[in-house]
Amino acid sequence: MARDKPSGTTKFLNKYAAFSLLVIDEWLLDEPDESTRSMLLELLERRYDQASTVFCTQYAQKDWHQRLGSGVHADAIMDRIVHNTIWVETGGHNMREHTAGQVKA
């Protein structure tokens, strides 16, 4: 939506680059298009070595590059993510599936 407004992308990037902690939930649920990849790259570049970003996702880290389009933008985005990173693996257990299978009384 930011792309459709005058100076929208700049305002979006300035706003989200300024947070000391940014949590991106459902990371790569939808595969980003080229303009979204460009905006992600710029956002991560602005935050690199300046602020913390948490990525919450159901996808394995090994699949991120492909979901980002496997091109040059994907390479650059992944470079900014993997350096100075702490990975927290929560395992393969899917709590959504687990709780969906329980019947509430």
PDB file of N, CA and C in Angstrom:
ATOM      1  N   MET A   1       0.820  -1.183   0.000  1.00  0.00           N
ATOM      2  CA  MET A   1       0.000   0.000   0.000  1.00  0.00           C
ATOM      3  C   MET A   1       0.874   1.261   0.000  1.00  0.00           C
ATOM      4  N   ALA A   2       2.023   1.179   0.662  1.00  0.00           N
ATOM      5  CA  ALA A   2       2.912   2.347   0.741  1.00  0.00           C
ATOM      6  C   ALA A   2       3.371   2.783  -0.641  1.00  0.00           C
ATOM      7  N   ARG A   3       3.568   1.815  -1.545  1.00  0.00           N
ATOM      8  CA  ARG A   3       4.052   2.148  -2.899  1.00  0.00           C
ATOM      9  C   ARG A   3       3.057   3.007  -3.664  1.00  0.00           C
ATOM     10  N   ASP A   4       1.772   2.916  -3.321  1.00  0.00           N
ATOM     11  CA  ASP A   4       0.726   3.613  -4.065  1.00  0.00           C
ATOM     12  C   ASP A   4       0.520   5.058  -3.629  1.00  0.00           C
ATOM     13  N   LYS A   5       1.208   5.496  -2.594  1.00  0.00           N
ATOM     14  CA  LYS A   5       1.045   6.852  -2.070  1.00  0.00           C
ATOM     15  C   LYS A   5       2.284   7.682  -2.378  1.00  0.00           C
ATOM     16  N   PRO A   6       2.090   8.999  -2.593  1.00  0.00           N
ATOM     17  CA  PRO A   6       3.269   9.852  -2.809  1.00  0.00           C
ATOM     18  C   PRO A   6       4.207   9.779  -1.603  1.00  0.00           C
ATOM     19  N   SER A   7       5.439   9.533  -1.840  1.00  0.00           N
ATOM     20  CA  SER A   7       6.476   9.383  -0.798  1.00  0.00           C
ATOM     21  C   SER A   7       6.160   8.253   0.178  1.00  0.00           C
ATOM     22  N   GLY A   8       5.239   7.383  -0.209  1.00  0.00           N
ATOM     23  CA  GLY A   8       4.815   6.300   0.681  1.00  0.00           C
ATOM     24  C   GLY A   8       5.927   5.332   1.024  1.00  0.00           C
ATOM     25  N   THR A   9       6.717   4.953   0.030  1.00  0.00           N
ATOM     26  CA  THR A   9       7.811   4.008   0.277  1.00  0.00           C
ATOM     27  C   THR A   9       8.846   4.621   1.211  1.00  0.00           C
ATOM     28  N   THR A  10       9.181   5.878   0.993  1.00  0.00           N
ATOM     29  CA  THR A  10      10.157   6.548   1.851  1.00  0.00           C
ATOM     30  C   THR A  10       9.657   6.638   3.279  1.00  0.00           C
ATOM     31  N   LYS A  11       8.405   7.006   3.458  1.00  0.00           N
ATOM     32  CA  LYS A  11       7.820   7.098   4.800  1.00  0.00           C
ATOM     33  C   LYS A  11       7.801   5.724   5.480  1.00  0.00           C
ATOM     34  N   PHE A  12       7.425   4.697   4.719  1.00  0.00           N
ATOM     35  CA  PHE A  12       7.394   3.333   5.243  1.00  0.00           C
ATOM     36  C   PHE A  12       8.783   2.922   5.723  1.00  0.00           C
ATOM     37  N   LEU A  13       9.779   3.125   4.865  1.00  0.00           N
ATOM     38  CA  LEU A  13      11.146   2.730   5.207  1.00  0.00           C
ATOM     39  C   LEU A  13      11.666   3.509   6.409  1.00  0.00           C
ATOM     40  N   ASN A  14      11.431   4.801   6.444  1.00  0.00           N
ATOM     41  CA  ASN A  14      11.873   5.611   7.587  1.00  0.00           C
ATOM     42  C   ASN A  14      11.216   5.139   8.882  1.00  0.00           C
ATOM     43  N   LYS A  15       9.933   4.854   8.830  1.00  0.00           N
ATOM     44  CA  LYS A  15       9.198   4.428  10.028  1.00  0.00           C
ATOM     45  C   LYS A  15       9.733   3.101  10.554  1.00  0.00           C
ATOM     46  N   TYR A  16       9.812   2.092   9.687  1.00  0.00           N
ATOM     47  CA  TYR A  16      10.187   0.764  10.149  1.00  0.00           C
ATOM     48  C   TYR A  16      11.687   0.594  10.357  1.00  0.00           C
ATOM     49  N   ALA A  17      12.487   1.426   9.758  1.00  0.00           N
ATOM     50  CA  ALA A  17      13.929   1.382  10.010  1.00  0.00           C
ATOM     51  C   ALA A  17      14.254   1.969  11.380  1.00  0.00           C
ATOM     52  N   ALA A  18      13.381   2.813  11.915  1.00  0.00           N
ATOM     53  CA  ALA A  18      13.650   3.518  13.171  1.00  0.00           C
ATOM     54  C   ALA A  18      13.375   2.685  14.422  1.00  0.00           C
ATOM     55  N   PHE A  19      12.568   1.644  14.323  1.00  0.00           N
ATOM     56  CA  PHE A  19      12.270   0.834  15.503  1.00  0.00           C
ATOM     57  C   PHE A  19      13.535   0.124  15.994  1.00  0.00           C
ATOM     58  N   SER A  20      13.730   0.099  17.315  1.00  0.00           N
ATOM     59  CA  SER A  20      14.897  -0.601  17.849  1.00  0.00           C
ATOM     60  C   SER A  20      14.727  -2.114  17.730  1.00  0.00           C
ATOM     61  N   LEU A  21      13.476  -2.583  17.732  1.00  0.00           N
ATOM     62  CA  LEU A  21      13.175  -3.999  17.515  1.00  0.00           C
ATOM     63  C   LEU A  21      11.994  -4.087  16.572  1.00  0.00           C
ATOM     64  N   LEU A  22      12.179  -4.785  15.482  1.00  0.00           N
ATOM     65  CA  LEU A  22      11.118  -5.008  14.507  1.00  0.00           C
ATOM     66  C   LEU A  22      10.856  -6.503  14.446  1.00  0.00           C
ATOM     67  N   VAL A  23       9.601  -6.907  14.647  1.00  0.00           N
ATOM     68  CA  VAL A  23       9.221  -8.313  14.560  1.00  0.00           C
ATOM     69  C   VAL A  23       8.406  -8.494  13.288  1.00  0.00           C
ATOM     70  N   ILE A  24       8.891  -9.354  12.414  1.00  0.00           N
ATOM     71  CA  ILE A  24       8.184  -9.655  11.173  1.00  0.00           C
ATOM     72  C   ILE A  24       7.582 -11.046  11.333  1.00  0.00           C
ATOM     73  N   ASP A  25       6.273 -11.076  11.531  1.00  0.00           N
ATOM     74  CA  ASP A  25       5.557 -12.333  11.739  1.00  0.00           C
ATOM     75  C   ASP A  25       5.085 -12.870  10.394  1.00  0.00           C
ATOM     76  N   GLU A  26       4.952 -14.178  10.315  1.00  0.00           N
ATOM     77  CA  GLU A  26       4.535 -14.859   9.077  1.00  0.00           C
ATOM     78  C   GLU A  26       5.486 -14.528   7.927  1.00  0.00           C
ATOM     79  N   TRP A  27       6.784 -14.459   8.249  1.00  0.00           N
ATOM     80  CA  TRP A  27       7.829 -14.169   7.270  1.00  0.00           C
ATOM     81  C   TRP A  27       7.751 -15.137   6.106  1.00  0.00           C
ATOM     82  N   LEU A  28       7.619 -14.613   4.920  1.00  0.00           N
ATOM     83  CA  LEU A  28       7.594 -15.336   3.647  1.00  0.00           C
ATOM     84  C   LEU A  28       6.377 -16.237   3.481  1.00  0.00           C
ATOM     85  N   LEU A  29       5.297 -15.917   4.193  1.00  0.00           N
ATOM     86  CA  LEU A  29       4.050 -16.649   3.988  1.00  0.00           C
ATOM     87  C   LEU A  29       3.625 -16.527   2.529  1.00  0.00           C
ATOM     88  N   ASP A  30       3.717 -15.303   2.000  1.00  0.00           N
ATOM     89  CA  ASP A  30       3.484 -15.060   0.575  1.00  0.00           C
ATOM     90  C   ASP A  30       4.827 -14.697  -0.044  1.00  0.00           C
ATOM     91  N   GLU A  31       5.093 -15.223  -1.224  1.00  0.00           N
ATOM     92  CA  GLU A  31       6.349 -14.913  -1.887  1.00  0.00           C
ATOM     93  C   GLU A  31       6.308 -13.471  -2.386  1.00  0.00           C
ATOM     94  N   PRO A  32       7.310 -12.650  -2.028  1.00  0.00           N
ATOM     95  CA  PRO A  32       7.298 -11.237  -2.409  1.00  0.00           C
ATOM     96  C   PRO A  32       7.568 -11.034  -3.900  1.00  0.00           C
ATOM     97  N   ASP A  33       6.912 -10.011  -4.465  1.00  0.00           N
ATOM     98  CA  ASP A  33       7.192  -9.646  -5.850  1.00  0.00           C
ATOM     99  C   ASP A  33       8.464  -8.797  -5.900  1.00  0.00           C
ATOM    100  N   GLU A  34       8.861  -8.399  -7.094  1.00  0.00           N
ATOM    101  CA  GLU A  34      10.144  -7.695  -7.260  1.00  0.00           C
ATOM    102  C   GLU A  34      10.192  -6.389  -6.474  1.00  0.00           C
ATOM    103  N   SER A  35       9.114  -5.613  -6.501  1.00  0.00           N
ATOM    104  CA  SER A  35       9.139  -4.332  -5.789  1.00  0.00           C
ATOM    105  C   SER A  35       9.167  -4.537  -4.273  1.00  0.00           C
ATOM    106  N   THR A  36       8.518  -5.578  -3.796  1.00  0.00           N
ATOM    107  CA  THR A  36       8.553  -5.883  -2.361  1.00  0.00           C
ATOM    108  C   THR A  36       9.949  -6.339  -1.951  1.00  0.00           C
ATOM    109  N   ARG A  37      10.603  -7.142  -2.795  1.00  0.00           N
ATOM    110  CA  ARG A  37      11.980  -7.565  -2.510  1.00  0.00           C
ATOM    111  C   ARG A  37      12.912  -6.353  -2.444  1.00  0.00           C
ATOM    112  N   SER A  38      12.732  -5.404  -3.344  1.00  0.00           N
ATOM    113  CA  SER A  38      13.558  -4.189  -3.329  1.00  0.00           C
ATOM    114  C   SER A  38      13.339  -3.410  -2.043  1.00  0.00           C
ATOM    115  N   MET A  39      12.078  -3.303  -1.619  1.00  0.00           N
ATOM    116  CA  MET A  39      11.781  -2.574  -0.396  1.00  0.00           C
ATOM    117  C   MET A  39      12.327  -3.315   0.825  1.00  0.00           C
ATOM    118  N   LEU A  40      12.221  -4.643   0.840  1.00  0.00           N
ATOM    119  CA  LEU A  40      12.789  -5.430   1.934  1.00  0.00           C
ATOM    120  C   LEU A  40      14.300  -5.245   2.018  1.00  0.00           C
ATOM    121  N   LEU A  41      14.951  -5.275   0.878  1.00  0.00           N
ATOM    122  CA  LEU A  41      16.399  -5.095   0.850  1.00  0.00           C
ATOM    123  C   LEU A  41      16.773  -3.733   1.426  1.00  0.00           C
ATOM    124  N   GLU A  42      16.075  -2.699   1.014  1.00  0.00           N
ATOM    125  CA  GLU A  42      16.374  -1.358   1.513  1.00  0.00           C
ATOM    126  C   GLU A  42      16.107  -1.265   3.013  1.00  0.00           C
ATOM    127  N   LEU A  43      15.016  -1.849   3.477  1.00  0.00           N
ATOM    128  CA  LEU A  43      14.700  -1.829   4.903  1.00  0.00           C
ATOM    129  C   LEU A  43      15.770  -2.553   5.707  1.00  0.00           C
ATOM    130  N   LEU A  44      16.144  -3.743   5.268  1.00  0.00           N
ATOM    131  CA  LEU A  44      17.162  -4.512   5.990  1.00  0.00           C
ATOM    132  C   LEU A  44      18.524  -3.834   5.927  1.00  0.00           C
ATOM    133  N   GLU A  45      18.812  -3.169   4.837  1.00  0.00           N
ATOM    134  CA  GLU A  45      20.066  -2.424   4.729  1.00  0.00           C
ATOM    135  C   GLU A  45      20.099  -1.289   5.742  1.00  0.00           C
ATOM    136  N   ARG A  46      19.000  -0.588   5.890  1.00  0.00           N
ATOM    137  CA  ARG A  46      18.937   0.518   6.852  1.00  0.00           C
ATOM    138  C   ARG A  46      19.050   0.024   8.294  1.00  0.00           C
ATOM    139  N   ARG A  47      18.543  -1.166   8.567  1.00  0.00           N
ATOM    140  CA  ARG A  47      18.547  -1.703   9.922  1.00  0.00           C
ATOM    141  C   ARG A  47      19.844  -2.454  10.245  1.00  0.00           C
ATOM    142  N   TYR A  48      20.600  -2.828   9.230  1.00  0.00           N
ATOM    143  CA  TYR A  48      21.795  -3.657   9.396  1.00  0.00           C
ATOM    144  C   TYR A  48      22.773  -3.018  10.373  1.00  0.00           C
ATOM    145  N   ASP A  49      23.159  -3.758  11.394  1.00  0.00           N
ATOM    146  CA  ASP A  49      24.090  -3.315  12.439  1.00  0.00           C
ATOM    147  C   ASP A  49      23.594  -2.098  13.228  1.00  0.00           C
ATOM    148  N   GLN A  50      22.318  -1.768  13.098  1.00  0.00           N
ATOM    149  CA  GLN A  50      21.743  -0.623  13.793  1.00  0.00           C
ATOM    150  C   GLN A  50      20.632  -1.024  14.755  1.00  0.00           C
ATOM    151  N   ALA A  51      19.870  -2.062  14.388  1.00  0.00           N
ATOM    152  CA  ALA A  51      18.692  -2.445  15.167  1.00  0.00           C
ATOM    153  C   ALA A  51      18.453  -3.942  14.997  1.00  0.00           C
ATOM    154  N   SER A  52      17.608  -4.483  15.866  1.00  0.00           N
ATOM    155  CA  SER A  52      17.317  -5.923  15.841  1.00  0.00           C
ATOM    156  C   SER A  52      16.033  -6.205  15.071  1.00  0.00           C
ATOM    157  N   THR A  53      16.054  -7.306  14.339  1.00  0.00           N
ATOM    158  CA  THR A  53      14.880  -7.747  13.592  1.00  0.00           C
ATOM    159  C   THR A  53      14.655  -9.220  13.903  1.00  0.00           C
ATOM    160  N   VAL A  54      13.413  -9.552  14.244  1.00  0.00           N
ATOM    161  CA  VAL A  54      13.027 -10.933  14.525  1.00  0.00           C
ATOM    162  C   VAL A  54      12.133 -11.407  13.388  1.00  0.00           C
ATOM    163  N   PHE A  55      12.475 -12.544  12.819  1.00  0.00           N
ATOM    164  CA  PHE A  55      11.680 -13.142  11.751  1.00  0.00           C
ATOM    165  C   PHE A  55      10.973 -14.370  12.312  1.00  0.00           C
ATOM    166  N   CYS A  56       9.663 -14.368  12.304  1.00  0.00           N
ATOM    167  CA  CYS A  56       8.869 -15.511  12.762  1.00  0.00           C
ATOM    168  C   CYS A  56       8.264 -16.169  11.531  1.00  0.00           C
ATOM    169  N   THR A  57       8.537 -17.452  11.363  1.00  0.00           N
ATOM    170  CA  THR A  57       8.089 -18.115  10.142  1.00  0.00           C
ATOM    171  C   THR A  57       7.898 -19.604  10.369  1.00  0.00           C
ATOM    172  N   GLN A  58       7.138 -20.200   9.498  1.00  0.00           N
ATOM    173  CA  GLN A  58       6.974 -21.648   9.534  1.00  0.00           C
ATOM    174  C   GLN A  58       7.906 -22.340   8.537  1.00  0.00           C
ATOM    175  N   TYR A  59       8.692 -21.549   7.814  1.00  0.00           N
ATOM    176  CA  TYR A  59       9.578 -22.108   6.802  1.00  0.00           C
ATOM    177  C   TYR A  59      10.998 -22.249   7.333  1.00  0.00           C
ATOM    178  N   ALA A  60      11.655 -23.311   6.927  1.00  0.00           N
ATOM    179  CA  ALA A  60      13.045 -23.544   7.310  1.00  0.00           C
ATOM    180  C   ALA A  60      13.928 -22.489   6.643  1.00  0.00           C
ATOM    181  N   GLN A  61      14.977 -22.086   7.338  1.00  0.00           N
ATOM    182  CA  GLN A  61      15.898 -21.069   6.822  1.00  0.00           C
ATOM    183  C   GLN A  61      16.463 -21.476   5.462  1.00  0.00           C
ATOM    184  N   LYS A  62      16.657 -22.755   5.234  1.00  0.00           N
ATOM    185  CA  LYS A  62      17.208 -23.225   3.966  1.00  0.00           C
ATOM    186  C   LYS A  62      16.271 -22.947   2.787  1.00  0.00           C
ATOM    187  N   ASP A  63      14.988 -22.688   3.050  1.00  0.00           N
ATOM    188  CA  ASP A  63      14.010 -22.422   1.997  1.00  0.00           C
ATOM    189  C   ASP A  63      13.801 -20.936   1.726  1.00  0.00           C
ATOM    190  N   TRP A  64      14.376 -20.072   2.554  1.00  0.00           N
ATOM    191  CA  TRP A  64      14.124 -18.640   2.433  1.00  0.00           C
ATOM    192  C   TRP A  64      14.603 -18.074   1.103  1.00  0.00           C
ATOM    193  N   HIS A  65      15.782 -18.455   0.669  1.00  0.00           N
ATOM    194  CA  HIS A  65      16.346 -17.923  -0.571  1.00  0.00           C
ATOM    195  C   HIS A  65      15.408 -18.185  -1.747  1.00  0.00           C
ATOM    196  N   GLN A  66      14.918 -19.399  -1.839  1.00  0.00           N
ATOM    197  CA  GLN A  66      14.004 -19.750  -2.927  1.00  0.00           C
ATOM    198  C   GLN A  66      12.704 -18.954  -2.815  1.00  0.00           C
ATOM    199  N   ARG A  67      12.156 -18.830  -1.612  1.00  0.00           N
ATOM    200  CA  ARG A  67      10.904 -18.093  -1.416  1.00  0.00           C
ATOM    201  C   ARG A  67      11.080 -16.601  -1.694  1.00  0.00           C
ATOM    202  N   LEU A  68      12.319 -16.117  -1.614  1.00  0.00           N
ATOM    203  CA  LEU A  68      12.616 -14.722  -1.939  1.00  0.00           C
ATOM    204  C   LEU A  68      12.868 -14.509  -3.428  1.00  0.00           C
ATOM    205  N   GLY A  69      12.731 -15.547  -4.228  1.00  0.00           N
ATOM    206  CA  GLY A  69      12.868 -15.420  -5.672  1.00  0.00           C
ATOM    207  C   GLY A  69      14.159 -15.933  -6.260  1.00  0.00           C
ATOM    208  N   SER A  70      15.087 -16.381  -5.416  1.00  0.00           N
ATOM    209  CA  SER A  70      16.340 -17.018  -5.842  1.00  0.00           C
ATOM    210  C   SER A  70      17.258 -16.156  -6.707  1.00  0.00           C
ATOM    211  N   GLY A  71      17.012 -14.881  -6.800  1.00  0.00           N
ATOM    212  CA  GLY A  71      17.854 -14.023  -7.644  1.00  0.00           C
ATOM    213  C   GLY A  71      18.814 -13.174  -6.832  1.00  0.00           C
ATOM    214  N   VAL A  72      19.271 -12.112  -7.465  1.00  0.00           N
ATOM    215  CA  VAL A  72      20.241 -11.211  -6.853  1.00  0.00           C
ATOM    216  C   VAL A  72      19.662 -10.550  -5.605  1.00  0.00           C
ATOM    217  N   HIS A  73      18.384 -10.126  -5.667  1.00  0.00           N
ATOM    218  CA  HIS A  73      17.762  -9.528  -4.489  1.00  0.00           C
ATOM    219  C   HIS A  73      17.718 -10.532  -3.340  1.00  0.00           C
ATOM    220  N   ALA A  74      17.394 -11.782  -3.647  1.00  0.00           N
ATOM    221  CA  ALA A  74      17.358 -12.822  -2.611  1.00  0.00           C
ATOM    222  C   ALA A  74      18.734 -12.987  -1.981  1.00  0.00           C
ATOM    223  N   ASP A  75      19.785 -12.986  -2.793  1.00  0.00           N
ATOM    224  CA  ASP A  75      21.158 -13.077  -2.278  1.00  0.00           C
ATOM    225  C   ASP A  75      21.450 -11.929  -1.321  1.00  0.00           C
ATOM    226  N   ALA A  76      21.124 -10.713  -1.743  1.00  0.00           N
ATOM    227  CA  ALA A  76      21.431  -9.533  -0.934  1.00  0.00           C
ATOM    228  C   ALA A  76      20.614  -9.508   0.362  1.00  0.00           C
ATOM    229  N   ILE A  77      19.354  -9.875   0.281  1.00  0.00           N
ATOM    230  CA  ILE A  77      18.514  -9.918   1.484  1.00  0.00           C
ATOM    231  C   ILE A  77      19.049 -10.946   2.460  1.00  0.00           C
ATOM    232  N   MET A  78      19.369 -12.134   1.956  1.00  0.00           N
ATOM    233  CA  MET A  78      19.878 -13.189   2.829  1.00  0.00           C
ATOM    234  C   MET A  78      21.224 -12.799   3.437  1.00  0.00           C
ATOM    235  N   ASP A  79      22.070 -12.100   2.695  1.00  0.00           N
ATOM    236  CA  ASP A  79      23.348 -11.628   3.249  1.00  0.00           C
ATOM    237  C   ASP A  79      23.121 -10.754   4.471  1.00  0.00           C
ATOM    238  N   ARG A  80      22.131  -9.884   4.408  1.00  0.00           N
ATOM    239  CA  ARG A  80      21.864  -8.986   5.528  1.00  0.00           C
ATOM    240  C   ARG A  80      21.205  -9.693   6.696  1.00  0.00           C
ATOM    241  N   ILE A  81      20.534 -10.792   6.420  1.00  0.00           N
ATOM    242  CA  ILE A  81      19.879 -11.541   7.494  1.00  0.00           C
ATOM    243  C   ILE A  81      20.865 -12.462   8.210  1.00  0.00           C
ATOM    244  N   VAL A  82      21.679 -13.191   7.472  1.00  0.00           N
ATOM    245  CA  VAL A  82      22.483 -14.251   8.089  1.00  0.00           C
ATOM    246  C   VAL A  82      23.701 -13.759   8.860  1.00  0.00           C
ATOM    247  N   HIS A  83      24.197 -12.561   8.570  1.00  0.00           N
ATOM    248  CA  HIS A  83      25.343 -12.046   9.314  1.00  0.00           C
ATOM    249  C   HIS A  83      24.880 -11.457  10.640  1.00  0.00           C
ATOM    250  N   ASN A  84      25.603 -11.740  11.700  1.00  0.00           N
ATOM    251  CA  ASN A  84      25.266 -11.275  13.055  1.00  0.00           C
ATOM    252  C   ASN A  84      23.908 -11.789  13.513  1.00  0.00           C
ATOM    253  N   THR A  85      23.609 -13.034  13.179  1.00  0.00           N
ATOM    254  CA  THR A  85      22.302 -13.608  13.478  1.00  0.00           C
ATOM    255  C   THR A  85      22.380 -14.654  14.574  1.00  0.00           C
ATOM    256  N   ILE A  86      21.353 -14.672  15.385  1.00  0.00           N
ATOM    257  CA  ILE A  86      21.150 -15.748  16.349  1.00  0.00           C
ATOM    258  C   ILE A  86      19.913 -16.497  15.895  1.00  0.00           C
ATOM    259  N   TRP A  87      20.072 -17.783  15.624  1.00  0.00           N
ATOM    260  CA  TRP A  87      18.951 -18.610  15.162  1.00  0.00           C
ATOM    261  C   TRP A  87      18.343 -19.325  16.352  1.00  0.00           C
ATOM    262  N   VAL A  88      17.049 -19.287  16.469  1.00  0.00           N
ATOM    263  CA  VAL A  88      16.326 -20.001  17.521  1.00  0.00           C
ATOM    264  C   VAL A  88      15.396 -20.991  16.826  1.00  0.00           C
ATOM    265  N   GLU A  89      15.788 -22.232  16.829  1.00  0.00           N
ATOM    266  CA  GLU A  89      14.975 -23.280  16.216  1.00  0.00           C
ATOM    267  C   GLU A  89      14.004 -23.818  17.259  1.00  0.00           C
ATOM    268  N   THR A  90      12.748 -23.838  16.922  1.00  0.00           N
ATOM    269  CA  THR A  90      11.741 -24.320  17.874  1.00  0.00           C
ATOM    270  C   THR A  90      11.305 -25.746  17.573  1.00  0.00           C
ATOM    271  N   GLY A  91      11.925 -26.362  16.600  1.00  0.00           N
ATOM    272  CA  GLY A  91      11.604 -27.751  16.290  1.00  0.00           C
ATOM    273  C   GLY A  91      10.555 -27.865  15.198  1.00  0.00           C
ATOM    274  N   GLY A  92      10.196 -29.084  14.915  1.00  0.00           N
ATOM    275  CA  GLY A  92       9.255 -29.343  13.828  1.00  0.00           C
ATOM    276  C   GLY A  92       7.822 -29.481  14.264  1.00  0.00           C
ATOM    277  N   HIS A  93       7.567 -29.298  15.555  1.00  0.00           N
ATOM    278  CA  HIS A  93       6.204 -29.470  16.067  1.00  0.00           C
ATOM    279  C   HIS A  93       5.355 -28.259  15.696  1.00  0.00           C
ATOM    280  N   ASN A  94       4.224 -28.483  15.059  1.00  0.00           N
ATOM    281  CA  ASN A  94       3.339 -27.408  14.635  1.00  0.00           C
ATOM    282  C   ASN A  94       2.206 -27.274  15.648  1.00  0.00           C
ATOM    283  N   MET A  95       2.241 -26.192  16.433  1.00  0.00           N
ATOM    284  CA  MET A  95       1.226 -25.991  17.467  1.00  0.00           C
ATOM    285  C   MET A  95      -0.160 -25.741  16.879  1.00  0.00           C
ATOM    286  N   ARG A  96      -0.242 -25.170  15.694  1.00  0.00           N
ATOM    287  CA  ARG A  96      -1.561 -24.965  15.064  1.00  0.00           C
ATOM    288  C   ARG A  96      -2.233 -26.299  14.795  1.00  0.00           C
ATOM    289  N   GLU A  97      -1.463 -27.254  14.251  1.00  0.00           N
ATOM    290  CA  GLU A  97      -2.021 -28.577  14.005  1.00  0.00           C
ATOM    291  C   GLU A  97      -2.374 -29.267  15.308  1.00  0.00           C
ATOM    292  N   HIS A  98      -1.514 -29.105  16.308  1.00  0.00           N
ATOM    293  CA  HIS A  98      -1.722 -29.741  17.600  1.00  0.00           C
ATOM    294  C   HIS A  98      -3.007 -29.256  18.261  1.00  0.00           C
ATOM    295  N   THR A  99      -3.191 -27.950  18.314  1.00  0.00           N
ATOM    296  CA  THR A  99      -4.372 -27.414  19.000  1.00  0.00           C
ATOM    297  C   THR A  99      -5.640 -27.576  18.164  1.00  0.00           C
ATOM    298  N   ALA A 100      -5.520 -27.632  16.851  1.00  0.00           N
ATOM    299  CA  ALA A 100      -6.698 -27.843  16.002  1.00  0.00           C
ATOM    300  C   ALA A 100      -7.287 -29.239  16.210  1.00  0.00           C
ATOM    301  N   GLY A 101      -6.420 -30.178  16.584  1.00  0.00           N
ATOM    302  CA  GLY A 101      -6.874 -31.544  16.800  1.00  0.00           C
ATOM    303  C   GLY A 101      -7.545 -31.772  18.147  1.00  0.00           C
ATOM    304  N   GLN A 102      -7.478 -30.800  19.033  1.00  0.00           N
ATOM    305  CA  GLN A 102      -8.094 -30.930  20.355  1.00  0.00           C
ATOM    306  C   GLN A 102      -9.525 -30.423  20.305  1.00  0.00           C
ATOM    307  N   VAL A 103     -10.401 -31.168  20.930  1.00  0.00           N
ATOM    308  CA  VAL A 103     -11.811 -30.767  20.997  1.00  0.00           C
ATOM    309  C   VAL A 103     -12.032 -30.059  22.323  1.00  0.00           C
ATOM    310  N   LYS A 104     -12.594 -28.838  22.244  1.00  0.00           N
ATOM    311  CA  LYS A 104     -12.873 -28.089  23.469  1.00  0.00           C
ATOM    312  C   LYS A 104     -14.194 -28.561  24.055  1.00  0.00           C
ATOM    313  N   ALA A 105     -14.169 -28.755  25.361  1.00  0.00           N
ATOM    314  CA  ALA A 105     -15.385 -29.238  26.032  1.00  0.00           C
ATOM    315  C   ALA A 105     -16.237 -28.093  26.517  1.00  0.00           C
TER     316      ALA A 105
END
